[in-house]
C-alpha cells in the first residue's frame, strides 16, 4: 500500500513506520530527497528498530531537500522511473515524497506513478487548520484518476469536526489518528496503533 500526504513534513514516515511494525510489512521509499540530518529510511529504521531485511534501501537518493525533479537536476542525475517500481512483496509499505502533485521529473508527477503501480492508497492529513482544503483537493485528484483510496490517517491533536467533515464530504473512511508523540519508538508506535486503529481495516 502507498502512503502519501496532503503536504510535505506531515508525518508520512511516522505513519509508515507504525504500519510497517503493526502489519509485519516491509518498508520501501522509492526516491529520497534530503540526506541531512538523516534520510527517511534511516528515520524509519530508528523508529522501528528493524533492519535492512524489512526497511529496504531507496534506489534513488538525492542530497537536496527539494522536489525530486529539481534535486535530480542539481546533481545532474536523470531518474530512471523503472528504478522506482516497488518490489513484489506480500505486504509492502511504499512511502512517496511530499504530496501527490510533486514532480518526479518534468513530465511525471507522483500521482502518475501511483496510478501505474495500482496499489491501495492511504492519504495522510493534518488535523488542524488548512486540512479541509488540502485534503479534499488531494482526494479530488485521486478520484479524478479513478484511484483506489483505502482511507485517511490523520496526524496531530484531536480535531473531531475536521475529521468528520472530510469523511462526510469525501465519503472516504477515516482509518484513525496518530497523535503527536514525544518518543518515536517501536513500543509507542505499536501502542498507538492498537489504541487508535483496527488492523482489519488494512486487509488488502
N, C-alpha and C. Protein backbone atom coordinates (compact mmCIF):
# COMPACT_ATOMS: atom_id res chain seq x y z
N UNK A 1 0.84 -1.19 0.00
CA UNK A 1 0.00 0.00 0.00
C UNK A 1 0.88 1.24 0.00
N UNK A 2 0.36 2.31 -0.59
CA UNK A 2 1.12 3.54 -0.79
C UNK A 2 0.71 4.55 0.28
N UNK A 3 1.73 5.14 0.92
CA UNK A 3 1.49 6.20 1.91
C UNK A 3 1.87 7.52 1.25
N UNK A 4 0.88 8.38 1.06
CA UNK A 4 1.13 9.70 0.51
C UNK A 4 0.49 10.72 1.43
N UNK A 5 0.73 11.99 1.16
CA UNK A 5 0.24 13.02 2.07
C UNK A 5 -0.33 14.22 1.36
N UNK A 6 -0.97 15.08 2.12
CA UNK A 6 -1.51 16.32 1.57
C UNK A 6 -0.43 17.40 1.47
N UNK A 7 0.75 17.12 2.02
CA UNK A 7 1.83 18.11 2.03
C UNK A 7 3.11 17.41 2.47
N UNK A 8 4.21 18.15 2.48
CA UNK A 8 5.46 17.61 2.99
C UNK A 8 5.54 17.80 4.50
N UNK A 9 6.40 17.04 5.15
CA UNK A 9 6.59 17.14 6.61
C UNK A 9 5.27 16.99 7.36
N UNK A 10 4.46 16.05 6.93
CA UNK A 10 3.13 15.91 7.51
C UNK A 10 3.04 14.71 8.45
N UNK A 11 4.07 13.85 8.39
CA UNK A 11 4.07 12.67 9.26
C UNK A 11 3.99 11.35 8.51
N UNK A 12 4.24 11.38 7.20
CA UNK A 12 4.15 10.15 6.41
C UNK A 12 5.11 9.08 6.90
N UNK A 13 6.33 9.48 7.23
CA UNK A 13 7.33 8.49 7.65
C UNK A 13 6.96 7.85 8.98
N UNK A 14 6.37 8.62 9.88
CA UNK A 14 5.95 8.07 11.17
C UNK A 14 4.79 7.10 10.95
N UNK A 15 3.84 7.49 10.11
CA UNK A 15 2.73 6.59 9.77
C UNK A 15 3.26 5.32 9.12
N UNK A 16 4.20 5.48 8.19
CA UNK A 16 4.78 4.32 7.51
C UNK A 16 5.50 3.40 8.49
N UNK A 17 6.23 3.98 9.44
CA UNK A 17 6.92 3.17 10.45
C UNK A 17 5.91 2.41 11.30
N UNK A 18 4.85 3.09 11.71
CA UNK A 18 3.82 2.44 12.53
C UNK A 18 3.18 1.27 11.79
N UNK A 19 2.83 1.48 10.52
CA UNK A 19 2.17 0.42 9.76
C UNK A 19 3.13 -0.73 9.44
N UNK A 20 4.38 -0.41 9.20
CA UNK A 20 5.38 -1.46 8.95
C UNK A 20 5.45 -2.39 10.16
N UNK A 21 5.47 -1.83 11.33
CA UNK A 21 5.50 -2.63 12.57
C UNK A 21 4.19 -3.39 12.76
N UNK A 22 3.08 -2.68 12.68
CA UNK A 22 1.79 -3.28 13.04
C UNK A 22 1.35 -4.35 12.06
N UNK A 23 1.71 -4.21 10.79
CA UNK A 23 1.25 -5.14 9.77
C UNK A 23 2.30 -6.19 9.41
N UNK A 24 3.45 -6.14 10.08
CA UNK A 24 4.52 -7.08 9.75
C UNK A 24 5.00 -6.91 8.33
N UNK A 25 5.01 -5.66 7.86
CA UNK A 25 5.32 -5.35 6.46
C UNK A 25 6.80 -5.01 6.27
N UNK A 26 7.16 -4.84 5.00
CA UNK A 26 8.44 -4.23 4.64
C UNK A 26 8.18 -2.79 4.21
N UNK A 27 9.20 -1.96 4.34
CA UNK A 27 9.08 -0.52 4.02
C UNK A 27 9.97 -0.21 2.83
N UNK A 28 9.45 0.62 1.92
CA UNK A 28 10.19 0.99 0.72
C UNK A 28 9.90 2.43 0.37
N UNK A 29 10.96 3.24 0.23
CA UNK A 29 10.80 4.62 -0.24
C UNK A 29 11.54 4.72 -1.58
N UNK A 30 10.82 4.85 -2.68
CA UNK A 30 11.45 4.79 -3.99
C UNK A 30 12.48 5.87 -4.25
N UNK A 31 12.20 7.09 -3.77
CA UNK A 31 13.13 8.19 -4.02
C UNK A 31 13.22 9.06 -2.77
N UNK A 32 14.46 9.33 -2.36
CA UNK A 32 14.73 10.11 -1.15
C UNK A 32 15.36 11.43 -1.55
N UNK A 33 14.78 12.53 -1.09
CA UNK A 33 15.36 13.86 -1.32
C UNK A 33 15.68 14.48 0.04
N UNK A 34 16.94 14.74 0.26
CA UNK A 34 17.39 15.28 1.54
C UNK A 34 18.02 14.20 2.38
N UNK A 35 19.29 14.40 2.73
CA UNK A 35 20.01 13.39 3.48
C UNK A 35 20.53 13.89 4.83
N UNK A 36 20.30 15.15 5.15
CA UNK A 36 20.81 15.75 6.38
C UNK A 36 19.63 16.24 7.23
N UNK A 37 19.48 15.81 8.48
CA UNK A 37 20.43 15.00 9.27
C UNK A 37 20.31 13.50 9.03
N UNK A 38 19.19 13.04 8.46
CA UNK A 38 19.05 11.63 8.15
C UNK A 38 18.02 11.46 7.06
N UNK A 39 18.06 10.33 6.39
CA UNK A 39 17.05 10.03 5.37
C UNK A 39 15.81 9.45 6.04
N UNK A 40 14.74 9.37 5.28
CA UNK A 40 13.52 8.76 5.82
C UNK A 40 13.74 7.27 6.11
N UNK A 41 14.53 6.61 5.28
CA UNK A 41 14.85 5.20 5.53
C UNK A 41 15.56 5.06 6.87
N UNK A 42 16.53 5.92 7.13
CA UNK A 42 17.24 5.88 8.41
C UNK A 42 16.29 6.20 9.56
N UNK A 43 15.39 7.15 9.36
CA UNK A 43 14.43 7.51 10.41
C UNK A 43 13.49 6.34 10.72
N UNK A 44 13.02 5.65 9.67
CA UNK A 44 12.11 4.53 9.89
C UNK A 44 12.85 3.38 10.57
N UNK A 45 14.09 3.15 10.20
CA UNK A 45 14.89 2.13 10.90
C UNK A 45 15.05 2.49 12.37
N UNK A 46 15.31 3.76 12.64
CA UNK A 46 15.48 4.20 14.03
C UNK A 46 14.19 4.04 14.82
N UNK A 47 13.06 4.43 14.23
CA UNK A 47 11.79 4.37 14.94
C UNK A 47 11.32 2.94 15.17
N UNK A 48 11.57 2.07 14.21
CA UNK A 48 11.06 0.70 14.30
C UNK A 48 12.04 -0.27 14.94
N UNK A 49 13.34 0.04 14.86
CA UNK A 49 14.36 -0.90 15.32
C UNK A 49 14.56 -2.07 14.37
N UNK A 50 13.98 -1.97 13.16
CA UNK A 50 14.08 -3.06 12.18
C UNK A 50 15.32 -2.87 11.31
N UNK A 51 15.80 -3.97 10.74
CA UNK A 51 17.00 -3.94 9.92
C UNK A 51 16.70 -3.85 8.43
N UNK A 52 17.75 -3.94 7.61
CA UNK A 52 17.60 -3.77 6.16
C UNK A 52 16.81 -4.88 5.47
N UNK A 53 16.55 -5.97 6.17
CA UNK A 53 15.69 -7.01 5.58
C UNK A 53 14.23 -6.57 5.56
N UNK A 54 13.86 -5.62 6.43
CA UNK A 54 12.49 -5.10 6.49
C UNK A 54 12.41 -3.65 6.01
N UNK A 55 13.44 -2.88 6.26
CA UNK A 55 13.49 -1.48 5.84
C UNK A 55 14.43 -1.41 4.64
N UNK A 56 13.85 -1.43 3.45
CA UNK A 56 14.63 -1.58 2.23
C UNK A 56 15.30 -0.27 1.84
N UNK A 57 16.45 -0.32 1.17
CA UNK A 57 17.13 0.91 0.74
C UNK A 57 16.38 1.61 -0.38
N UNK A 58 16.53 2.92 -0.46
CA UNK A 58 15.95 3.69 -1.57
C UNK A 58 16.82 3.53 -2.80
N UNK A 59 16.24 3.21 -3.95
CA UNK A 59 17.04 3.08 -5.17
C UNK A 59 17.59 4.40 -5.68
N UNK A 60 16.91 5.52 -5.35
CA UNK A 60 17.38 6.84 -5.76
C UNK A 60 17.46 7.71 -4.51
N UNK A 61 18.66 8.24 -4.25
CA UNK A 61 18.87 9.10 -3.08
C UNK A 61 19.55 10.39 -3.54
N UNK A 62 18.90 11.51 -3.26
CA UNK A 62 19.38 12.83 -3.69
C UNK A 62 19.61 13.70 -2.46
N UNK A 63 20.62 14.53 -2.52
CA UNK A 63 21.06 15.27 -1.33
C UNK A 63 20.14 16.42 -0.96
N UNK A 64 19.67 17.17 -1.93
CA UNK A 64 18.92 18.39 -1.64
C UNK A 64 17.51 18.09 -1.15
N UNK A 65 17.04 18.77 -0.11
CA UNK A 65 15.67 18.57 0.40
C UNK A 65 14.66 19.35 -0.45
N UNK A 66 14.55 18.94 -1.71
CA UNK A 66 13.70 19.61 -2.68
C UNK A 66 12.82 18.59 -3.38
N UNK A 67 11.94 19.07 -4.24
CA UNK A 67 11.19 18.16 -5.10
C UNK A 67 12.17 17.31 -5.90
N UNK A 68 11.84 16.03 -6.13
CA UNK A 68 12.78 15.15 -6.84
C UNK A 68 13.26 15.69 -8.18
N UNK A 69 12.37 16.32 -8.94
CA UNK A 69 12.78 16.80 -10.26
C UNK A 69 13.90 17.82 -10.15
N UNK A 70 13.82 18.69 -9.16
CA UNK A 70 14.83 19.75 -9.01
C UNK A 70 16.09 19.22 -8.33
N UNK A 71 15.91 18.38 -7.32
CA UNK A 71 17.08 17.80 -6.64
C UNK A 71 17.92 16.99 -7.63
N UNK A 72 17.27 16.26 -8.52
CA UNK A 72 17.99 15.47 -9.52
C UNK A 72 18.71 16.38 -10.51
N UNK A 73 18.06 17.44 -10.93
CA UNK A 73 18.69 18.37 -11.87
C UNK A 73 19.94 19.00 -11.27
N UNK A 74 19.90 19.36 -10.00
CA UNK A 74 21.05 19.99 -9.36
C UNK A 74 22.25 19.04 -9.27
N UNK A 75 21.97 17.74 -9.21
CA UNK A 75 23.06 16.75 -9.15
C UNK A 75 23.40 16.18 -10.52
N UNK A 76 22.71 16.66 -11.56
CA UNK A 76 22.96 16.13 -12.89
C UNK A 76 22.54 14.69 -13.05
N UNK A 77 21.50 14.31 -12.32
CA UNK A 77 21.01 12.92 -12.33
C UNK A 77 19.71 12.85 -13.12
N UNK A 78 19.58 11.84 -13.96
CA UNK A 78 18.33 11.57 -14.65
C UNK A 78 17.68 10.35 -13.99
N UNK A 79 16.55 10.57 -13.38
CA UNK A 79 15.89 9.49 -12.65
C UNK A 79 15.25 8.51 -13.63
N UNK A 80 15.63 7.27 -13.52
CA UNK A 80 15.04 6.20 -14.32
C UNK A 80 13.79 5.71 -13.60
N UNK A 81 12.64 5.95 -14.18
CA UNK A 81 11.38 5.64 -13.49
C UNK A 81 11.25 4.16 -13.18
N UNK A 82 11.86 3.31 -13.99
CA UNK A 82 11.77 1.87 -13.73
C UNK A 82 12.46 1.50 -12.43
N UNK A 83 13.44 2.32 -11.99
CA UNK A 83 14.11 2.06 -10.71
C UNK A 83 13.16 2.21 -9.53
N UNK A 84 12.12 2.98 -9.71
CA UNK A 84 11.24 3.34 -8.60
C UNK A 84 10.13 2.33 -8.36
N UNK A 85 9.95 1.39 -9.28
CA UNK A 85 8.86 0.41 -9.15
C UNK A 85 9.03 -0.40 -7.87
N UNK A 86 7.99 -0.47 -7.05
CA UNK A 86 8.10 -1.22 -5.78
C UNK A 86 8.37 -2.70 -6.03
N UNK A 87 9.17 -3.32 -5.16
CA UNK A 87 9.41 -4.75 -5.30
C UNK A 87 8.14 -5.55 -5.01
N UNK A 88 8.10 -6.75 -5.53
CA UNK A 88 6.93 -7.61 -5.35
C UNK A 88 7.03 -8.30 -3.99
N UNK A 89 6.34 -7.76 -3.02
CA UNK A 89 6.33 -8.29 -1.66
C UNK A 89 4.88 -8.49 -1.22
N UNK A 90 4.61 -9.51 -0.41
CA UNK A 90 3.23 -9.76 0.02
C UNK A 90 2.63 -8.63 0.84
N UNK A 91 3.44 -7.93 1.62
CA UNK A 91 2.96 -6.78 2.39
C UNK A 91 4.06 -5.73 2.38
N UNK A 92 3.81 -4.66 1.65
CA UNK A 92 4.82 -3.63 1.46
C UNK A 92 4.21 -2.25 1.70
N UNK A 93 4.89 -1.44 2.50
CA UNK A 93 4.52 -0.05 2.73
C UNK A 93 5.42 0.81 1.87
N UNK A 94 4.83 1.54 0.93
CA UNK A 94 5.58 2.39 0.00
C UNK A 94 5.31 3.84 0.35
N UNK A 95 6.37 4.58 0.67
CA UNK A 95 6.21 5.99 1.04
C UNK A 95 6.62 6.90 -0.11
N UNK A 96 5.73 7.78 -0.49
CA UNK A 96 6.04 8.78 -1.51
C UNK A 96 6.85 9.93 -0.94
N UNK A 97 7.07 10.95 -1.76
CA UNK A 97 7.81 12.14 -1.34
C UNK A 97 6.89 13.35 -1.49
N UNK A 98 6.68 14.07 -0.40
CA UNK A 98 5.79 15.22 -0.46
C UNK A 98 4.35 14.79 -0.73
N UNK A 99 3.66 15.58 -1.56
CA UNK A 99 2.27 15.29 -1.86
C UNK A 99 2.09 14.66 -3.23
N UNK A 100 0.84 14.50 -3.62
CA UNK A 100 0.50 13.80 -4.86
C UNK A 100 1.02 14.49 -6.11
N UNK A 101 1.03 15.81 -6.11
CA UNK A 101 1.37 16.56 -7.31
C UNK A 101 2.85 16.94 -7.37
N UNK A 102 3.66 16.36 -6.53
CA UNK A 102 5.10 16.62 -6.57
C UNK A 102 5.69 16.00 -7.84
N UNK A 103 6.48 16.77 -8.61
CA UNK A 103 7.06 16.22 -9.84
C UNK A 103 8.22 15.28 -9.54
N UNK A 104 8.18 14.11 -10.19
CA UNK A 104 9.33 13.20 -10.15
C UNK A 104 10.36 13.69 -11.16
N UNK A 105 9.90 14.10 -12.32
CA UNK A 105 10.72 14.79 -13.31
C UNK A 105 9.82 15.84 -13.98
N UNK A 106 10.25 16.42 -15.07
CA UNK A 106 9.48 17.50 -15.69
C UNK A 106 8.22 17.01 -16.41
N UNK A 107 8.06 15.71 -16.51
CA UNK A 107 6.90 15.16 -17.21
C UNK A 107 5.96 14.35 -16.31
N UNK A 108 6.47 13.79 -15.23
CA UNK A 108 5.72 12.82 -14.44
C UNK A 108 5.57 13.28 -13.00
N UNK A 109 4.35 13.21 -12.48
CA UNK A 109 4.07 13.51 -11.08
C UNK A 109 3.99 12.22 -10.29
N UNK A 110 4.10 12.33 -8.96
CA UNK A 110 3.98 11.13 -8.13
C UNK A 110 2.62 10.46 -8.33
N UNK A 111 1.57 11.23 -8.48
CA UNK A 111 0.25 10.63 -8.66
C UNK A 111 0.21 9.77 -9.92
N UNK A 112 0.99 10.14 -10.94
CA UNK A 112 1.06 9.35 -12.16
C UNK A 112 1.72 8.01 -11.89
N UNK A 113 2.81 8.03 -11.11
CA UNK A 113 3.47 6.78 -10.75
C UNK A 113 2.54 5.89 -9.93
N UNK A 114 1.87 6.49 -8.96
CA UNK A 114 0.96 5.72 -8.11
C UNK A 114 -0.12 5.04 -8.95
N UNK A 115 -0.61 5.74 -9.95
CA UNK A 115 -1.63 5.16 -10.82
C UNK A 115 -1.11 3.91 -11.52
N UNK A 116 0.13 3.97 -12.02
CA UNK A 116 0.68 2.81 -12.73
C UNK A 116 0.97 1.66 -11.78
N UNK A 117 1.28 1.96 -10.51
CA UNK A 117 1.59 0.90 -9.55
C UNK A 117 0.33 0.16 -9.08
N UNK A 118 -0.81 0.82 -9.16
CA UNK A 118 -2.10 0.17 -8.90
C UNK A 118 -2.14 -0.51 -7.53
N UNK A 119 -1.77 0.25 -6.50
CA UNK A 119 -1.84 -0.25 -5.13
C UNK A 119 -2.77 0.65 -4.32
N UNK A 120 -3.39 0.11 -3.27
CA UNK A 120 -4.26 0.94 -2.42
C UNK A 120 -3.48 2.11 -1.81
N UNK A 121 -4.15 3.24 -1.72
CA UNK A 121 -3.50 4.47 -1.25
C UNK A 121 -4.09 4.89 0.09
N UNK A 122 -3.18 5.23 1.01
CA UNK A 122 -3.56 5.85 2.28
C UNK A 122 -3.10 7.30 2.23
N UNK A 123 -4.03 8.20 2.43
CA UNK A 123 -3.71 9.63 2.42
C UNK A 123 -3.53 10.10 3.86
N UNK A 124 -2.36 10.68 4.14
CA UNK A 124 -2.04 11.21 5.46
C UNK A 124 -2.33 12.71 5.46
N UNK A 125 -3.08 13.17 6.46
CA UNK A 125 -3.50 14.56 6.52
C UNK A 125 -3.34 15.10 7.93
N UNK A 126 -3.16 16.41 8.03
CA UNK A 126 -3.13 17.06 9.33
C UNK A 126 -4.55 17.15 9.90
N UNK A 127 -4.62 17.33 11.21
CA UNK A 127 -5.92 17.54 11.84
C UNK A 127 -6.28 19.01 11.91
N UNK A 128 -5.29 19.90 11.82
CA UNK A 128 -5.51 21.30 12.14
C UNK A 128 -5.93 22.17 10.97
N UNK A 129 -5.77 23.48 11.16
CA UNK A 129 -6.20 24.50 10.20
C UNK A 129 -5.58 24.27 8.83
N UNK A 130 -6.42 24.35 7.80
CA UNK A 130 -5.97 24.16 6.42
C UNK A 130 -6.20 22.76 5.89
N UNK A 131 -6.50 21.83 6.78
CA UNK A 131 -6.60 20.44 6.33
C UNK A 131 -7.84 20.19 5.46
N UNK A 132 -8.90 20.94 5.66
CA UNK A 132 -10.10 20.70 4.86
C UNK A 132 -9.80 20.91 3.38
N UNK A 133 -9.21 22.03 3.04
CA UNK A 133 -8.91 22.35 1.65
C UNK A 133 -7.87 21.39 1.08
N UNK A 134 -6.76 21.22 1.79
CA UNK A 134 -5.66 20.38 1.28
C UNK A 134 -6.11 18.93 1.09
N UNK A 135 -6.85 18.42 2.05
CA UNK A 135 -7.24 17.01 2.00
C UNK A 135 -8.29 16.77 0.93
N UNK A 136 -9.29 17.63 0.86
CA UNK A 136 -10.34 17.44 -0.14
C UNK A 136 -9.81 17.63 -1.56
N UNK A 137 -8.86 18.54 -1.75
CA UNK A 137 -8.24 18.70 -3.07
C UNK A 137 -7.46 17.44 -3.45
N UNK A 138 -6.72 16.88 -2.49
CA UNK A 138 -5.96 15.66 -2.77
C UNK A 138 -6.89 14.51 -3.12
N UNK A 139 -7.98 14.37 -2.38
CA UNK A 139 -8.93 13.31 -2.67
C UNK A 139 -9.62 13.52 -4.02
N UNK A 140 -9.86 14.76 -4.38
CA UNK A 140 -10.46 15.05 -5.68
C UNK A 140 -9.52 14.64 -6.81
N UNK A 141 -8.22 14.88 -6.63
CA UNK A 141 -7.25 14.47 -7.66
C UNK A 141 -7.21 12.95 -7.80
N UNK A 142 -7.28 12.25 -6.68
CA UNK A 142 -7.30 10.78 -6.72
C UNK A 142 -8.58 10.27 -7.36
N UNK A 143 -9.69 10.89 -7.04
CA UNK A 143 -10.98 10.46 -7.60
C UNK A 143 -11.01 10.70 -9.11
N UNK A 144 -10.44 11.81 -9.55
CA UNK A 144 -10.45 12.13 -10.98
C UNK A 144 -9.69 11.09 -11.79
N UNK A 145 -8.74 10.42 -11.15
CA UNK A 145 -7.95 9.38 -11.83
C UNK A 145 -8.45 7.97 -11.52
N UNK A 146 -9.57 7.89 -10.83
CA UNK A 146 -10.20 6.61 -10.50
C UNK A 146 -9.23 5.70 -9.77
N UNK A 147 -8.62 6.24 -8.70
CA UNK A 147 -7.62 5.50 -7.95
C UNK A 147 -8.21 4.93 -6.66
N UNK A 148 -7.64 3.84 -6.22
CA UNK A 148 -8.15 3.09 -5.08
C UNK A 148 -7.62 3.68 -3.77
N UNK A 149 -8.47 4.41 -3.06
CA UNK A 149 -8.09 5.01 -1.78
C UNK A 149 -8.58 4.11 -0.65
N UNK A 150 -7.65 3.57 0.13
CA UNK A 150 -8.04 2.72 1.25
C UNK A 150 -8.66 3.55 2.37
N UNK A 151 -8.14 4.75 2.58
CA UNK A 151 -8.69 5.60 3.63
C UNK A 151 -7.73 6.69 4.03
N UNK A 152 -8.10 7.39 5.09
CA UNK A 152 -7.37 8.55 5.60
C UNK A 152 -6.77 8.25 6.97
N UNK A 153 -5.54 8.70 7.17
CA UNK A 153 -4.94 8.72 8.50
C UNK A 153 -4.60 10.16 8.84
N UNK A 154 -5.13 10.63 9.96
CA UNK A 154 -4.86 11.99 10.40
C UNK A 154 -3.71 11.98 11.40
N UNK A 155 -2.93 13.05 11.38
CA UNK A 155 -1.79 13.21 12.29
C UNK A 155 -1.94 14.54 13.02
N UNK A 156 -1.87 14.50 14.34
CA UNK A 156 -1.92 15.74 15.11
C UNK A 156 -2.89 15.64 16.28
N UNK A 157 -3.13 16.78 16.89
CA UNK A 157 -4.04 16.85 18.03
C UNK A 157 -5.47 16.55 17.58
N UNK A 158 -6.28 16.10 18.52
CA UNK A 158 -7.65 15.73 18.19
C UNK A 158 -8.43 16.92 17.66
N UNK A 159 -9.10 16.70 16.53
CA UNK A 159 -9.99 17.72 15.95
C UNK A 159 -11.11 16.96 15.26
N UNK A 160 -12.06 16.55 16.04
CA UNK A 160 -13.11 15.64 15.57
C UNK A 160 -13.92 16.25 14.43
N UNK A 161 -14.18 17.56 14.50
CA UNK A 161 -15.02 18.16 13.47
C UNK A 161 -14.32 18.14 12.11
N UNK A 162 -13.04 18.49 12.07
CA UNK A 162 -12.32 18.45 10.79
C UNK A 162 -12.32 17.05 10.20
N UNK A 163 -12.06 16.06 11.04
CA UNK A 163 -12.01 14.68 10.56
C UNK A 163 -13.38 14.23 10.05
N UNK A 164 -14.43 14.53 10.79
CA UNK A 164 -15.78 14.13 10.39
C UNK A 164 -16.22 14.86 9.12
N UNK A 165 -15.88 16.14 9.03
CA UNK A 165 -16.27 16.92 7.86
C UNK A 165 -15.65 16.36 6.59
N UNK A 166 -14.35 16.04 6.66
CA UNK A 166 -13.67 15.48 5.49
C UNK A 166 -14.27 14.13 5.12
N UNK A 167 -14.53 13.30 6.12
CA UNK A 167 -15.12 11.99 5.86
C UNK A 167 -16.50 12.12 5.22
N UNK A 168 -17.33 13.03 5.73
CA UNK A 168 -18.68 13.19 5.22
C UNK A 168 -18.69 13.72 3.79
N UNK A 169 -17.85 14.71 3.52
CA UNK A 169 -17.85 15.33 2.19
C UNK A 169 -17.23 14.40 1.15
N UNK A 170 -16.17 13.71 1.53
CA UNK A 170 -15.43 12.88 0.57
C UNK A 170 -15.98 11.47 0.45
N UNK A 171 -16.64 10.99 1.50
CA UNK A 171 -17.09 9.61 1.51
C UNK A 171 -15.98 8.62 1.80
N UNK A 172 -14.82 9.11 2.21
CA UNK A 172 -13.68 8.23 2.49
C UNK A 172 -13.66 7.81 3.96
N UNK A 173 -13.13 6.64 4.20
CA UNK A 173 -13.05 6.09 5.55
C UNK A 173 -11.88 6.71 6.31
N UNK A 174 -12.13 7.10 7.56
CA UNK A 174 -11.04 7.53 8.45
C UNK A 174 -10.51 6.28 9.14
N UNK A 175 -9.27 5.95 8.86
CA UNK A 175 -8.65 4.75 9.43
C UNK A 175 -8.22 4.97 10.87
N UNK A 176 -7.93 6.21 11.24
CA UNK A 176 -7.51 6.51 12.60
C UNK A 176 -6.70 7.79 12.66
N UNK A 177 -6.29 8.12 13.88
CA UNK A 177 -5.49 9.33 14.11
C UNK A 177 -4.22 8.98 14.86
N UNK A 178 -3.11 9.50 14.37
CA UNK A 178 -1.82 9.35 15.04
C UNK A 178 -1.52 10.64 15.79
N UNK A 179 -1.55 10.63 17.11
CA UNK A 179 -1.24 11.85 17.86
C UNK A 179 0.24 12.19 17.77
N UNK A 180 0.59 13.41 18.10
CA UNK A 180 1.99 13.81 18.12
C UNK A 180 2.66 13.14 19.33
N UNK A 181 3.70 12.37 19.08
CA UNK A 181 4.36 11.59 20.12
C UNK A 181 5.69 12.22 20.50
N UNK A 182 5.98 12.20 21.80
CA UNK A 182 7.28 12.69 22.28
C UNK A 182 8.38 11.68 21.95
N UNK A 183 8.08 10.41 22.16
CA UNK A 183 9.07 9.35 21.91
C UNK A 183 8.61 8.50 20.72
N UNK A 184 9.35 8.60 19.63
CA UNK A 184 9.02 7.84 18.44
C UNK A 184 9.85 6.56 18.43
N UNK A 185 9.30 5.52 19.05
CA UNK A 185 9.98 4.24 19.07
C UNK A 185 8.95 3.14 18.83
N UNK A 186 9.43 1.93 18.65
CA UNK A 186 8.56 0.81 18.28
C UNK A 186 7.45 0.59 19.30
N UNK A 187 7.78 0.65 20.57
CA UNK A 187 6.79 0.40 21.62
C UNK A 187 5.64 1.40 21.55
N UNK A 188 5.98 2.68 21.45
CA UNK A 188 4.94 3.71 21.41
C UNK A 188 4.11 3.63 20.13
N UNK A 189 4.76 3.34 19.01
CA UNK A 189 4.03 3.25 17.74
C UNK A 189 3.03 2.09 17.75
N UNK A 190 3.43 0.97 18.29
CA UNK A 190 2.53 -0.18 18.38
C UNK A 190 1.37 0.12 19.33
N UNK A 191 1.67 0.76 20.45
CA UNK A 191 0.61 1.12 21.40
C UNK A 191 -0.41 2.05 20.76
N UNK A 192 0.05 3.03 20.01
CA UNK A 192 -0.86 3.96 19.34
C UNK A 192 -1.71 3.23 18.31
N UNK A 193 -1.08 2.35 17.55
CA UNK A 193 -1.84 1.60 16.55
C UNK A 193 -2.94 0.78 17.23
N UNK A 194 -2.59 0.08 18.29
CA UNK A 194 -3.57 -0.77 18.97
C UNK A 194 -4.71 0.03 19.58
N UNK A 195 -4.42 1.27 20.01
CA UNK A 195 -5.45 2.11 20.62
C UNK A 195 -6.35 2.77 19.57
N UNK A 196 -5.76 3.22 18.48
CA UNK A 196 -6.45 4.14 17.57
C UNK A 196 -6.81 3.56 16.21
N UNK A 197 -6.39 2.32 15.94
CA UNK A 197 -6.62 1.75 14.62
C UNK A 197 -7.16 0.33 14.75
N UNK A 198 -7.76 -0.15 13.67
CA UNK A 198 -8.27 -1.51 13.59
C UNK A 198 -7.52 -2.24 12.49
N UNK A 199 -6.78 -3.27 12.83
CA UNK A 199 -5.93 -3.95 11.86
C UNK A 199 -6.73 -4.51 10.69
N UNK A 200 -8.00 -4.84 10.92
CA UNK A 200 -8.84 -5.37 9.84
C UNK A 200 -9.08 -4.36 8.73
N UNK A 201 -8.97 -3.07 9.02
CA UNK A 201 -9.14 -2.03 8.01
C UNK A 201 -8.01 -2.04 6.98
N UNK A 202 -6.91 -2.72 7.28
CA UNK A 202 -5.75 -2.70 6.40
C UNK A 202 -5.60 -4.00 5.62
N UNK A 203 -6.62 -4.84 5.66
CA UNK A 203 -6.61 -6.07 4.87
C UNK A 203 -6.83 -5.74 3.40
N UNK A 204 -5.87 -6.17 2.57
CA UNK A 204 -5.98 -5.86 1.14
C UNK A 204 -5.78 -7.14 0.33
